[in-house]
Amino acid sequence: MPTVFTHVAVPVCAAIALGTRRLPASAVLAGMLASIVPDFDGLAFKLGIAYGGMAGHRGFTHTLVFALLLGLAGGWLAPRWRMRPAAGWAWITLCAASHPLLDMMTNGGIGIAFFWPFDSVRYFSPWRPIEVSPIALQRFFSPRGAQVLLNEMLTVWAPLLAAAIVVALGRRSMERRHGAAAA
């Protein structure tokens, strides 16, 4: 899995691209939480639940069904964000779904049962540039953990930030043109 720091890259970069008028800070924070919630299944290790089972790590919480269900919270919170419920649902669903999609791009683990319960196959992306993160805290704070963070900066953060900045600059340019045309 990518680190918790990298799972939040998708909502953070989306917020940069879309701006605070479309995504208020509370929606961005909820999106960040939704992007890491799937890894709460790591508690299964402590409970003795098998890694490969649907209740284990990279099981149910890493499915599209889970993301769609978690999105309901976004629909409920949307009025607080001054969004339509469908937009709030879509925002949280996309943030939650980004987690297993990033996990599919790692070079370790057992794959993601993304389409469960319709398909129990565990998938990986054909392109797997992300180094799998050490789970144990002592191994995370080691040279290996630093190597993983550097890999994530180069393979996830840098491309997403570049795309977010391009979109934000384009959006601002269009807003200025429309503002000048209306004046």
C-alpha atoms as a PDB file:
ATOM      1  CA  MET A   1       0.000   0.000   0.000  1.00  0.00           C
ATOM      2  CA  PRO A   2       1.091   3.578  -0.450  1.00  0.00           C
ATOM      3  CA  THR A   3       1.552   5.509   2.789  1.00  0.00           C
ATOM      4  CA  VAL A   4      -1.242   7.479   4.423  1.00  0.00           C
ATOM      5  CA  PHE A   5       0.589  10.595   3.232  1.00  0.00           C
ATOM      6  CA  THR A   6       0.130   9.568  -0.375  1.00  0.00           C
ATOM      7  CA  HIS A   7      -3.456   8.357  -0.164  1.00  0.00           C
ATOM      8  CA  VAL A   8      -4.460  11.952   0.619  1.00  0.00           C
ATOM      9  CA  ALA A   9      -2.733  13.185  -2.563  1.00  0.00           C
ATOM     10  CA  VAL A  10      -5.862  12.684  -4.665  1.00  0.00           C
ATOM     11  CA  PRO A  11      -8.224  14.897  -2.591  1.00  0.00           C
ATOM     12  CA  VAL A  12      -5.496  17.465  -1.904  1.00  0.00           C
ATOM     13  CA  CYS A  13      -4.604  17.796  -5.591  1.00  0.00           C
ATOM     14  CA  ALA A  14      -8.281  17.828  -6.601  1.00  0.00           C
ATOM     15  CA  ALA A  15      -8.806  20.696  -4.155  1.00  0.00           C
ATOM     16  CA  ILE A  16      -5.904  22.607  -5.725  1.00  0.00           C
ATOM     17  CA  ALA A  17      -7.333  22.019  -9.193  1.00  0.00           C
ATOM     18  CA  LEU A  18     -10.940  22.884  -8.355  1.00  0.00           C
ATOM     19  CA  GLY A  19     -10.407  25.687  -5.834  1.00  0.00           C
ATOM     20  CA  THR A  20     -11.998  26.475  -2.482  1.00  0.00           C
ATOM     21  CA  ARG A  21     -15.209  27.855  -3.988  1.00  0.00           C
ATOM     22  CA  ARG A  22     -16.020  24.387  -5.326  1.00  0.00           C
ATOM     23  CA  LEU A  23     -14.424  22.417  -2.477  1.00  0.00           C
ATOM     24  CA  PRO A  24     -14.514  24.066   0.943  1.00  0.00           C
ATOM     25  CA  ALA A  25     -11.881  23.024   3.500  1.00  0.00           C
ATOM     26  CA  SER A  26     -14.309  20.777   5.399  1.00  0.00           C
ATOM     27  CA  ALA A  27     -15.092  18.843   2.202  1.00  0.00           C
ATOM     28  CA  VAL A  28     -11.381  18.468   1.466  1.00  0.00           C
ATOM     29  CA  LEU A  29     -10.771  17.167   5.004  1.00  0.00           C
ATOM     30  CA  ALA A  30     -13.659  14.696   4.624  1.00  0.00           C
ATOM     31  CA  GLY A  31     -12.208  13.613   1.266  1.00  0.00           C
ATOM     32  CA  MET A  32      -8.807  13.100   2.872  1.00  0.00           C
ATOM     33  CA  LEU A  33     -10.406  10.947   5.563  1.00  0.00           C
ATOM     34  CA  ALA A  34     -12.351   8.972   2.940  1.00  0.00           C
ATOM     35  CA  SER A  35      -9.094   8.335   1.078  1.00  0.00           C
ATOM     36  CA  ILE A  36      -7.509   6.657   4.119  1.00  0.00           C
ATOM     37  CA  VAL A  37     -10.555   4.929   5.673  1.00  0.00           C
ATOM     38  CA  PRO A  38     -10.066   1.761   3.575  1.00  0.00           C
ATOM     39  CA  ASP A  39      -6.874   1.035   5.510  1.00  0.00           C
ATOM     40  CA  PHE A  40      -8.787   0.855   8.778  1.00  0.00           C
ATOM     41  CA  ASP A  41      -9.093  -2.796   7.758  1.00  0.00           C
ATOM     42  CA  GLY A  42      -5.536  -3.087   9.069  1.00  0.00           C
ATOM     43  CA  LEU A  43      -7.184  -3.675  12.448  1.00  0.00           C
ATOM     44  CA  ALA A  44      -8.019  -7.126  11.087  1.00  0.00           C
ATOM     45  CA  PHE A  45      -4.386  -8.103  11.709  1.00  0.00           C
ATOM     46  CA  LYS A  46      -4.858  -7.360  15.429  1.00  0.00           C
ATOM     47  CA  LEU A  47      -8.111  -9.348  15.485  1.00  0.00           C
ATOM     48  CA  GLY A  48      -6.544 -12.409  13.884  1.00  0.00           C
ATOM     49  CA  ILE A  49      -8.549 -12.074  10.641  1.00  0.00           C
ATOM     50  CA  ALA A  50      -6.856 -13.642   7.627  1.00  0.00           C
ATOM     51  CA  TYR A  51      -5.081 -11.206   5.302  1.00  0.00           C
ATOM     52  CA  GLY A  52      -6.610 -12.736   2.163  1.00  0.00           C
ATOM     53  CA  GLY A  53     -10.214 -12.754   3.381  1.00  0.00           C
ATOM     54  CA  MET A  54     -12.820 -10.142   2.491  1.00  0.00           C
ATOM     55  CA  ALA A  55     -12.799  -8.970   6.133  1.00  0.00           C
ATOM     56  CA  GLY A  56      -8.991  -8.700   6.020  1.00  0.00           C
ATOM     57  CA  HIS A  57      -6.607  -6.130   4.618  1.00  0.00           C
ATOM     58  CA  ARG A  58      -7.353  -5.117   1.021  1.00  0.00           C
ATOM     59  CA  GLY A  59     -10.732  -6.843   1.298  1.00  0.00           C
ATOM     60  CA  PHE A  60     -14.204  -5.260   1.527  1.00  0.00           C
ATOM     61  CA  THR A  61     -12.975  -1.774   2.420  1.00  0.00           C
ATOM     62  CA  HIS A  62     -10.994  -1.735  -0.829  1.00  0.00           C
ATOM     63  CA  THR A  63     -14.017  -2.401  -3.072  1.00  0.00           C
ATOM     64  CA  LEU A  64     -16.035  -0.135  -5.314  1.00  0.00           C
ATOM     65  CA  VAL A  65     -19.125  -1.098  -3.281  1.00  0.00           C
ATOM     66  CA  PHE A  66     -17.461   0.237  -0.117  1.00  0.00           C
ATOM     67  CA  ALA A  67     -16.567   3.515  -1.870  1.00  0.00           C
ATOM     68  CA  LEU A  68     -20.129   3.894  -3.159  1.00  0.00           C
ATOM     69  CA  LEU A  69     -21.548   3.272   0.327  1.00  0.00           C
ATOM     70  CA  LEU A  70     -19.087   5.643   1.997  1.00  0.00           C
ATOM     71  CA  GLY A  71     -20.130   8.228  -0.585  1.00  0.00           C
ATOM     72  CA  LEU A  72     -23.549   8.323   1.090  1.00  0.00           C
ATOM     73  CA  ALA A  73     -21.889  10.240   3.928  1.00  0.00           C
ATOM     74  CA  GLY A  74     -20.832  12.838   1.363  1.00  0.00           C
ATOM     75  CA  GLY A  75     -24.416  13.133   0.140  1.00  0.00           C
ATOM     76  CA  TRP A  76     -25.529  13.713   3.713  1.00  0.00           C
ATOM     77  CA  LEU A  77     -22.775  16.287   4.380  1.00  0.00           C
ATOM     78  CA  ALA A  78     -23.169  18.076   1.038  1.00  0.00           C
ATOM     79  CA  PRO A  79     -25.562  20.802   2.274  1.00  0.00           C
ATOM     80  CA  ARG A  80     -22.956  21.802   4.884  1.00  0.00           C
ATOM     81  CA  TRP A  81     -20.483  22.178   2.019  1.00  0.00           C
ATOM     82  CA  ARG A  82     -23.008  24.151  -0.079  1.00  0.00           C
ATOM     83  CA  MET A  83     -23.081  21.334  -2.648  1.00  0.00           C
ATOM     84  CA  ARG A  84     -25.833  19.283  -4.174  1.00  0.00           C
ATOM     85  CA  PRO A  85     -26.114  15.861  -2.468  1.00  0.00           C
ATOM     86  CA  ALA A  86     -25.075  14.111  -5.699  1.00  0.00           C
ATOM     87  CA  ALA A  87     -21.876  16.191  -5.824  1.00  0.00           C
ATOM     88  CA  GLY A  88     -21.051  15.420  -2.188  1.00  0.00           C
ATOM     89  CA  TRP A  89     -21.704  11.723  -2.798  1.00  0.00           C
ATOM     90  CA  ALA A  90     -19.495  11.747  -5.916  1.00  0.00           C
ATOM     91  CA  TRP A  91     -16.701  13.603  -4.093  1.00  0.00           C
ATOM     92  CA  ILE A  92     -16.474  11.137  -1.198  1.00  0.00           C
ATOM     93  CA  THR A  93     -16.967   8.126  -3.488  1.00  0.00           C
ATOM     94  CA  LEU A  94     -14.104   9.225  -5.740  1.00  0.00           C
ATOM     95  CA  CYS A  95     -11.820   9.963  -2.794  1.00  0.00           C
ATOM     96  CA  ALA A  96     -12.536   6.542  -1.252  1.00  0.00           C
ATOM     97  CA  ALA A  97     -12.171   4.752  -4.609  1.00  0.00           C
ATOM     98  CA  SER A  98      -8.799   6.424  -5.178  1.00  0.00           C
ATOM     99  CA  HIS A  99      -7.390   4.346  -2.309  1.00  0.00           C
ATOM    100  CA  PRO A 100      -7.761   0.883  -3.840  1.00  0.00           C
ATOM    101  CA  LEU A 101      -6.814   2.255  -7.261  1.00  0.00           C
ATOM    102  CA  LEU A 102      -3.506   3.506  -5.842  1.00  0.00           C
ATOM    103  CA  ASP A 103      -3.040   0.212  -3.976  1.00  0.00           C
ATOM    104  CA  MET A 104      -3.420  -1.628  -7.293  1.00  0.00           C
ATOM    105  CA  MET A 105      -0.388   0.295  -8.526  1.00  0.00           C
ATOM    106  CA  THR A 106       1.916  -1.031  -5.793  1.00  0.00           C
ATOM    107  CA  ASN A 107       4.543  -3.693  -6.280  1.00  0.00           C
ATOM    108  CA  GLY A 108       3.452  -5.869  -3.330  1.00  0.00           C
ATOM    109  CA  GLY A 109       0.541  -7.466  -1.541  1.00  0.00           C
ATOM    110  CA  ILE A 110      -2.182  -9.761  -2.820  1.00  0.00           C
ATOM    111  CA  GLY A 111      -4.102  -7.439  -5.099  1.00  0.00           C
ATOM    112  CA  ILE A 112      -7.425  -5.650  -4.694  1.00  0.00           C
ATOM    113  CA  ALA A 113     -10.854  -7.276  -4.934  1.00  0.00           C
ATOM    114  CA  PHE A 114     -12.173  -4.002  -6.377  1.00  0.00           C
ATOM    115  CA  PHE A 115     -15.312  -5.468  -7.985  1.00  0.00           C
ATOM    116  CA  TRP A 116     -16.345  -7.748  -5.099  1.00  0.00           C
ATOM    117  CA  PRO A 117     -19.107  -9.055  -4.577  1.00  0.00           C
ATOM    118  CA  PHE A 118     -19.575  -9.324  -8.348  1.00  0.00           C
ATOM    119  CA  ASP A 119     -16.053 -10.625  -8.937  1.00  0.00           C
ATOM    120  CA  SER A 120     -13.683 -12.050  -6.311  1.00  0.00           C
ATOM    121  CA  VAL A 121     -10.550 -11.688  -8.450  1.00  0.00           C
ATOM    122  CA  ARG A 122      -7.859  -9.562  -6.800  1.00  0.00           C
ATOM    123  CA  TYR A 123      -6.472  -7.074  -9.304  1.00  0.00           C
ATOM    124  CA  PHE A 124      -3.235  -5.217  -9.801  1.00  0.00           C
ATOM    125  CA  SER A 125      -2.657  -2.498 -12.357  1.00  0.00           C
ATOM    126  CA  PRO A 126      -0.517  -3.528 -15.342  1.00  0.00           C
ATOM    127  CA  TRP A 127       1.662  -0.532 -14.337  1.00  0.00           C
ATOM    128  CA  ARG A 128       2.935  -0.855 -10.757  1.00  0.00           C
ATOM    129  CA  PRO A 129       5.437   1.941 -10.059  1.00  0.00           C
ATOM    130  CA  ILE A 130       4.579   2.504  -6.367  1.00  0.00           C
ATOM    131  CA  GLU A 131       6.808   0.827  -3.796  1.00  0.00           C
ATOM    132  CA  VAL A 132       4.726  -1.021  -1.218  1.00  0.00           C
ATOM    133  CA  SER A 133       4.995   0.659   2.193  1.00  0.00           C
ATOM    134  CA  PRO A 134       6.220  -1.146   5.289  1.00  0.00           C
ATOM    135  CA  ILE A 135       3.308  -1.622   7.690  1.00  0.00           C
ATOM    136  CA  ALA A 136       5.299  -1.905  10.946  1.00  0.00           C
ATOM    137  CA  LEU A 137       6.062   1.523  12.415  1.00  0.00           C
ATOM    138  CA  GLN A 138       9.722   0.693  13.148  1.00  0.00           C
ATOM    139  CA  ARG A 139      10.246  -0.384   9.524  1.00  0.00           C
ATOM    140  CA  PHE A 140       8.458   2.741   8.273  1.00  0.00           C
ATOM    141  CA  PHE A 141      10.923   4.990  10.121  1.00  0.00           C
ATOM    142  CA  SER A 142      13.928   3.398   8.455  1.00  0.00           C
ATOM    143  CA  PRO A 143      15.918   3.869   5.248  1.00  0.00           C
ATOM    144  CA  ARG A 144      13.337   1.618   3.523  1.00  0.00           C
ATOM    145  CA  GLY A 145      10.498   3.909   4.666  1.00  0.00           C
ATOM    146  CA  ALA A 146      12.385   6.955   3.359  1.00  0.00           C
ATOM    147  CA  GLN A 147      12.887   5.180   0.032  1.00  0.00           C
ATOM    148  CA  VAL A 148       9.129   4.495  -0.167  1.00  0.00           C
ATOM    149  CA  LEU A 149       8.276   8.147   0.556  1.00  0.00           C
ATOM    150  CA  LEU A 150      10.695   9.360  -2.120  1.00  0.00           C
ATOM    151  CA  ASN A 151       9.183   6.896  -4.598  1.00  0.00           C
ATOM    152  CA  GLU A 152       5.680   8.187  -3.766  1.00  0.00           C
ATOM    153  CA  MET A 153       6.792  11.807  -4.213  1.00  0.00           C
ATOM    154  CA  LEU A 154       8.072  10.986  -7.696  1.00  0.00           C
ATOM    155  CA  THR A 155       5.360   8.573  -8.898  1.00  0.00           C
ATOM    156  CA  VAL A 156       2.211   9.998  -7.297  1.00  0.00           C
ATOM    157  CA  TRP A 157       2.610  13.455  -5.792  1.00  0.00           C
ATOM    158  CA  ALA A 158       4.679  15.109  -8.545  1.00  0.00           C
ATOM    159  CA  PRO A 159       2.385  14.090 -11.442  1.00  0.00           C
ATOM    160  CA  LEU A 160      -0.801  14.870  -9.494  1.00  0.00           C
ATOM    161  CA  LEU A 161       0.489  18.249  -8.326  1.00  0.00           C
ATOM    162  CA  ALA A 162       1.613  19.133 -11.850  1.00  0.00           C
ATOM    163  CA  ALA A 163      -1.810  18.230 -13.247  1.00  0.00           C
ATOM    164  CA  ALA A 164      -3.576  20.123 -10.428  1.00  0.00           C
ATOM    165  CA  ILE A 165      -1.538  23.266 -11.058  1.00  0.00           C
ATOM    166  CA  VAL A 166      -2.185  23.126 -14.816  1.00  0.00           C
ATOM    167  CA  VAL A 167      -5.934  22.728 -14.215  1.00  0.00           C
ATOM    168  CA  ALA A 168      -5.980  25.511 -11.582  1.00  0.00           C
ATOM    169  CA  LEU A 169      -4.115  27.910 -13.869  1.00  0.00           C
ATOM    170  CA  GLY A 170      -6.438  27.072 -16.762  1.00  0.00           C
ATOM    171  CA  ARG A 171      -9.507  27.519 -14.541  1.00  0.00           C
ATOM    172  CA  ARG A 172      -8.273  30.894 -13.285  1.00  0.00           C
ATOM    173  CA  SER A 173      -7.486  32.044 -16.813  1.00  0.00           C
ATOM    174  CA  MET A 174     -10.977  31.122 -17.976  1.00  0.00           C
ATOM    175  CA  GLU A 175     -12.538  32.846 -14.956  1.00  0.00           C
ATOM    176  CA  ARG A 176     -10.569  36.030 -15.701  1.00  0.00           C
ATOM    177  CA  ARG A 177     -11.641  35.953 -19.365  1.00  0.00           C
ATOM    178  CA  HIS A 178     -15.281  35.458 -18.415  1.00  0.00           C
ATOM    179  CA  GLY A 179     -15.003  38.198 -15.776  1.00  0.00           C
ATOM    180  CA  ALA A 180     -13.476  40.631 -18.297  1.00  0.00           C
ATOM    181  CA  ALA A 181     -16.136  39.759 -20.890  1.00  0.00           C
ATOM    182  CA  ALA A 182     -18.952  40.393 -18.398  1.00  0.00           C
ATOM    183  CA  ALA A 183     -17.550  43.782 -17.356  1.00  0.00           C
END
